[in-house]
Structures are given as structure tokens and as C-alpha cells.
Protein backbone atom coordinates (compact mmCIF):
# COMPACT_ATOMS: atom_id res chain seq x y z
CA UNK A 1 -13.38 -15.57 3.92
CA UNK A 2 -15.65 -12.85 2.51
CA UNK A 3 -13.45 -9.98 1.38
CA UNK A 4 -16.29 -7.72 0.26
CA UNK A 5 -15.54 -5.17 2.98
CA UNK A 6 -12.28 -3.15 2.99
CA UNK A 7 -11.26 -4.36 6.44
CA UNK A 8 -11.80 -8.00 5.42
CA UNK A 9 -9.90 -7.41 2.18
CA UNK A 10 -6.87 -6.16 4.12
CA UNK A 11 -7.08 -9.09 6.56
CA UNK A 12 -7.29 -11.51 3.62
CA UNK A 13 -4.31 -9.83 1.98
CA UNK A 14 -2.28 -10.22 5.16
CA UNK A 15 -3.19 -13.91 5.35
CA UNK A 16 -2.20 -14.39 1.71
CA UNK A 17 1.16 -12.68 2.26
CA UNK A 18 1.77 -14.93 5.27
CA UNK A 19 0.96 -17.93 3.07
CA UNK A 20 3.48 -16.76 0.47
CA UNK A 21 6.16 -16.43 3.14
CA UNK A 22 5.60 -19.96 4.40
CA UNK A 23 5.34 -21.57 0.96
CA UNK A 24 7.59 -22.14 -2.02
CA UNK A 25 6.54 -18.69 -3.26
CA UNK A 26 8.46 -16.75 -0.59
CA UNK A 27 10.89 -15.50 -3.26
CA UNK A 28 8.04 -13.36 -4.65
CA UNK A 29 8.12 -11.22 -1.50
CA UNK A 30 10.28 -8.10 -1.46
CA UNK A 31 13.44 -7.95 0.63
CA UNK A 32 15.74 -5.16 1.75
CA UNK A 33 16.60 -2.94 4.68
CA UNK A 34 13.50 -0.82 4.02
CA UNK A 35 11.15 -3.83 3.99
CA UNK A 36 9.53 -4.89 7.27
CA UNK A 37 7.41 -8.03 7.24
CA UNK A 38 5.61 -9.35 4.18
CA UNK A 39 5.60 -7.02 1.18
CA UNK A 40 4.66 -7.87 -2.41
CA UNK A 41 5.75 -5.46 -5.16
CA UNK A 42 4.67 -5.98 -8.76
CA UNK A 43 7.63 -6.03 -11.20
CA UNK A 44 6.21 -3.04 -13.13
CA UNK A 45 5.92 -0.85 -10.01
CA UNK A 46 8.49 1.83 -9.27
CA UNK A 47 9.35 2.16 -5.58
CA UNK A 48 11.98 4.52 -4.19
CA UNK A 49 14.64 2.81 -2.07
CA UNK A 50 14.06 5.46 0.63
CA UNK A 51 10.51 4.20 1.29
CA UNK A 52 9.73 2.09 4.33
CA UNK A 53 7.23 -0.65 3.51
CA UNK A 54 5.47 -3.20 5.65
CA UNK A 55 4.20 -5.18 7.22
CA UNK A 56 1.41 -6.48 4.98
CA UNK A 57 1.80 -4.25 1.92
CA UNK A 58 0.92 -4.93 -1.71
CA UNK A 59 2.11 -2.55 -4.45
CA UNK A 60 0.22 -3.28 -7.67
CA UNK A 61 1.19 -3.00 -11.34
CA UNK A 62 2.39 0.36 -12.68
CA UNK A 63 2.30 2.01 -9.24
CA UNK A 64 4.78 4.74 -8.37
CA UNK A 65 5.93 5.27 -4.79
CA UNK A 66 8.22 8.27 -4.34
CA UNK A 67 10.94 9.14 -1.79
CA UNK A 68 10.32 8.96 1.93
CA UNK A 69 6.92 7.28 1.78
CA UNK A 70 5.85 5.00 4.67
CA UNK A 71 3.22 2.33 3.95
CA UNK A 72 1.83 -0.23 6.43
CA UNK A 73 -0.99 -2.76 6.12
CA UNK A 74 -2.17 -1.33 2.81
CA UNK A 75 -2.80 -2.20 -0.83
CA UNK A 76 -2.15 0.04 -3.83
CA UNK A 77 -4.16 -0.95 -6.87
CA UNK A 78 -2.92 -0.59 -10.44
CA UNK A 79 -1.53 2.77 -11.49
CA UNK A 80 -1.65 4.44 -8.07
CA UNK A 81 0.88 7.18 -7.41
CA UNK A 82 2.05 8.04 -3.90
CA UNK A 83 4.02 11.29 -3.85
CA UNK A 84 6.98 11.90 -1.57
CA UNK A 85 6.85 11.76 2.23
CA UNK A 86 3.27 10.53 2.50
CA UNK A 87 2.15 8.02 5.10
CA UNK A 88 -0.45 5.31 4.47
CA UNK A 89 -1.66 2.93 7.13
CA UNK A 90 -4.52 0.43 6.76
CA UNK A 91 -5.58 1.81 3.37
CA UNK A 92 -6.74 0.59 0.00
CA UNK A 93 -5.81 3.06 -2.73
CA UNK A 94 -7.92 2.63 -5.85
CA UNK A 95 -6.93 2.31 -9.48
CA UNK A 96 -5.01 5.28 -10.93
CA UNK A 97 -5.37 7.40 -7.79
CA UNK A 98 -2.78 9.96 -6.76
CA UNK A 99 -1.90 10.79 -3.16
CA UNK A 100 0.02 14.08 -2.98
CA UNK A 101 3.14 15.00 -1.01
CA UNK A 102 3.06 14.92 2.81
CA UNK A 103 -0.42 13.36 2.95
CA UNK A 104 -1.33 11.08 5.87
CA UNK A 105 -4.07 8.50 5.33
CA UNK A 106 -4.72 6.41 8.42
CA UNK A 107 -7.05 3.56 9.28
CA UNK A 108 -9.15 1.81 6.67
CA UNK A 109 -9.52 4.30 3.89
CA UNK A 110 -10.62 3.16 0.46
CA UNK A 111 -9.99 5.74 -2.26
CA UNK A 112 -12.12 5.05 -5.35
CA UNK A 113 -11.25 6.09 -8.89
CA UNK A 114 -13.74 8.96 -8.93
CA UNK A 115 -11.93 10.59 -5.99
CA UNK A 116 -8.63 10.28 -7.73
CA UNK A 117 -6.41 12.98 -6.23
CA UNK A 118 -5.51 13.92 -2.69
CA UNK A 119 -2.98 16.72 -2.59
CA UNK A 120 -0.48 18.17 -0.15
CA UNK A 121 -0.96 18.56 3.59
CA UNK A 122 -4.13 16.53 3.92
CA UNK A 123 -4.41 14.35 7.02
CA UNK A 124 -7.32 11.93 7.10
CA UNK A 125 -8.03 9.69 10.07
CA UNK A 126 -10.99 7.34 10.23
CA UNK A 127 -11.83 5.87 13.62
CA UNK A 128 -12.92 2.23 13.50
């Protein structure tokens, strides 16, 4: 599978998470009442227990996910910060990016390092 496009990357990530669930590596996936489906959280990430994660979510190293965040079908790359009560769906958040409070990012958004901060009350929707 070519994962050079963001949509293909997210599909590949979902397939990999499904593989982990069905293999001897299922213990690497996160569990809890706030976890829905396959979710992989790096040990150095900090995730609030009030977040709702999944399905198909990867939280990378040194990421911070604050209270009330909802993430579905998305990947956070190293050092990303998601401030409280934001909603991410079908997104790739780049290295060391910050998403501010109450921000909604929906449908296949890739935030590169050079666009590193999205602040409060921004709602971005990209139609496929």
C-alpha cells in the first residue's frame, strides 16, 4: 500500500491497528471506558482520562491531549498538543503542532510544522 497521500496514510494506520488487535501485540493497544476501537498511545504521551479516543487513533511520543478532547480516525505526530474540548476527525496533526481549545478539525486535514498553531474557536471542514 502506498501511504504517500494523507488519506492512504490513515487507511494504512487503521489496517495496522487492526493487525495489532488480532496479533500477539494486542496488549500495546489502549484500553478503558474512554477508548472505542483500536487506539495506540505512546508511553511518553499525556492523555487526559476525560478524552474520548477512537476508533483508529494513534497518539505519538510526547503528545499532550487535554480534558474533553474527542479524536477519531486520526494520528498525532510527535510533540503535538491538543488543547481542551477540541474535536479531531480524520486528521494528521504534524510534529510539534498545537491545536487550541474548542477547535474542530474534520475530514482529512494534515497540519504541517510550519502551520504550527490553530487557536480557539476555529472550525475547519474539508469536503472529500
